[in-house]
Amino acid sequence: MEPETEICARFEVELALIAALDRDYNLNPTPTSAERANYYKRQEKLEQIRAQFYADLDRLRSELPRP
């Protein structure tokens, strides 16, 4: 299993890409219907990424030796 720092780095890249797209969307005063739809799809993807991030961390922590 990859170390926690690698898990965090992997997800950081994905989340930064979504954040950049969301920032552009939020700065646009008149988004099109397609832009709004893409925004909502990104929010769904964000929830999936977040769930996978926590699952990966939980799995890593469960594999650590107990004191």
C-alpha atoms as a PDB file:
ATOM      1  CA  MET A   1       0.000   0.000   0.000  1.00  0.00           C
ATOM      2  CA  GLU A   2       1.248   3.440  -0.787  1.00  0.00           C
ATOM      3  CA  PRO A   3       2.226   5.739   2.085  1.00  0.00           C
ATOM      4  CA  GLU A   4      -0.135   8.407   3.349  1.00  0.00           C
ATOM      5  CA  THR A   5       1.912  11.211   1.752  1.00  0.00           C
ATOM      6  CA  GLU A   6       1.576   9.580  -1.679  1.00  0.00           C
ATOM      7  CA  ILE A   7      -2.170   9.147  -1.230  1.00  0.00           C
ATOM      8  CA  CYS A   8      -2.499  12.815  -0.270  1.00  0.00           C
ATOM      9  CA  ALA A   9      -0.332  13.958  -3.191  1.00  0.00           C
ATOM     10  CA  ARG A  10      -2.363  11.906  -5.677  1.00  0.00           C
ATOM     11  CA  PHE A  11      -5.658  13.358  -4.519  1.00  0.00           C
ATOM     12  CA  GLU A  12      -4.230  16.880  -4.217  1.00  0.00           C
ATOM     13  CA  VAL A  13      -3.650  17.003  -7.978  1.00  0.00           C
ATOM     14  CA  GLU A  14      -7.187  15.846  -8.774  1.00  0.00           C
ATOM     15  CA  LEU A  15      -8.779  18.256  -6.308  1.00  0.00           C
ATOM     16  CA  ALA A  16      -6.678  21.179  -7.572  1.00  0.00           C
ATOM     17  CA  LEU A  17      -7.960  20.604 -11.109  1.00  0.00           C
ATOM     18  CA  ILE A  18     -11.570  20.612  -9.927  1.00  0.00           C
ATOM     19  CA  ALA A  19     -10.935  23.712  -7.797  1.00  0.00           C
ATOM     20  CA  ALA A  20      -9.530  25.602 -10.788  1.00  0.00           C
ATOM     21  CA  LEU A  21     -12.574  24.748 -12.915  1.00  0.00           C
ATOM     22  CA  ASP A  22     -14.941  25.673 -10.098  1.00  0.00           C
ATOM     23  CA  ARG A  23     -13.141  28.972  -9.555  1.00  0.00           C
ATOM     24  CA  ASP A  24     -13.621  29.861 -13.226  1.00  0.00           C
ATOM     25  CA  TYR A  25     -17.266  28.827 -13.024  1.00  0.00           C
ATOM     26  CA  ASN A  26     -17.890  30.907  -9.895  1.00  0.00           C
ATOM     27  CA  LEU A  27     -16.276  33.981 -11.434  1.00  0.00           C
ATOM     28  CA  ASN A  28     -18.513  33.755 -14.498  1.00  0.00           C
ATOM     29  CA  PRO A  29     -21.590  35.936 -13.862  1.00  0.00           C
ATOM     30  CA  THR A  30     -23.629  34.259 -16.623  1.00  0.00           C
ATOM     31  CA  PRO A  31     -22.731  30.573 -17.008  1.00  0.00           C
ATOM     32  CA  THR A  32     -24.388  28.676 -19.829  1.00  0.00           C
ATOM     33  CA  SER A  33     -26.591  25.651 -19.273  1.00  0.00           C
ATOM     34  CA  ALA A  34     -23.708  23.403 -20.318  1.00  0.00           C
ATOM     35  CA  GLU A  35     -21.360  25.113 -17.843  1.00  0.00           C
ATOM     36  CA  ARG A  36     -23.905  24.683 -15.050  1.00  0.00           C
ATOM     37  CA  ALA A  37     -24.360  21.017 -15.929  1.00  0.00           C
ATOM     38  CA  ASN A  38     -20.593  20.486 -15.928  1.00  0.00           C
ATOM     39  CA  TYR A  39     -20.356  22.195 -12.549  1.00  0.00           C
ATOM     40  CA  TYR A  40     -22.913  19.838 -11.017  1.00  0.00           C
ATOM     41  CA  LYS A  41     -21.183  16.822 -12.568  1.00  0.00           C
ATOM     42  CA  ARG A  42     -17.920  18.018 -11.017  1.00  0.00           C
ATOM     43  CA  GLN A  43     -19.587  18.271  -7.626  1.00  0.00           C
ATOM     44  CA  GLU A  44     -20.713  14.653  -7.931  1.00  0.00           C
ATOM     45  CA  LYS A  45     -17.195  13.650  -8.994  1.00  0.00           C
ATOM     46  CA  LEU A  46     -15.798  15.618  -6.047  1.00  0.00           C
ATOM     47  CA  GLU A  47     -17.920  13.580  -3.641  1.00  0.00           C
ATOM     48  CA  GLN A  48     -16.671  10.356  -5.232  1.00  0.00           C
ATOM     49  CA  ILE A  49     -13.050  11.515  -4.990  1.00  0.00           C
ATOM     50  CA  ARG A  50     -13.521  12.544  -1.370  1.00  0.00           C
ATOM     51  CA  ALA A  51     -15.060   9.162  -0.498  1.00  0.00           C
ATOM     52  CA  GLN A  52     -12.208   7.324  -2.229  1.00  0.00           C
ATOM     53  CA  PHE A  53      -9.630   9.479  -0.412  1.00  0.00           C
ATOM     54  CA  TYR A  54     -11.067   8.623   2.998  1.00  0.00           C
ATOM     55  CA  ALA A  55     -11.418   4.946   2.047  1.00  0.00           C
ATOM     56  CA  ASP A  56      -7.758   4.806   0.993  1.00  0.00           C
ATOM     57  CA  LEU A  57      -6.646   6.444   4.235  1.00  0.00           C
ATOM     58  CA  ASP A  58      -8.834   4.132   6.313  1.00  0.00           C
ATOM     59  CA  ARG A  59      -7.431   1.091   4.522  1.00  0.00           C
ATOM     60  CA  LEU A  60      -3.882   2.318   5.108  1.00  0.00           C
ATOM     61  CA  ARG A  61      -4.523   2.936   8.777  1.00  0.00           C
ATOM     62  CA  SER A  62      -6.170  -0.454   9.225  1.00  0.00           C
ATOM     63  CA  GLU A  63      -3.007  -2.101   7.864  1.00  0.00           C
ATOM     64  CA  LEU A  64      -0.753  -0.377  10.391  1.00  0.00           C
ATOM     65  CA  PRO A  65       0.489  -2.567  13.220  1.00  0.00           C
ATOM     66  CA  ARG A  66      -1.393  -2.152  16.476  1.00  0.00           C
ATOM     67  CA  PRO A  67       0.659  -1.191  19.580  1.00  0.00           C
END
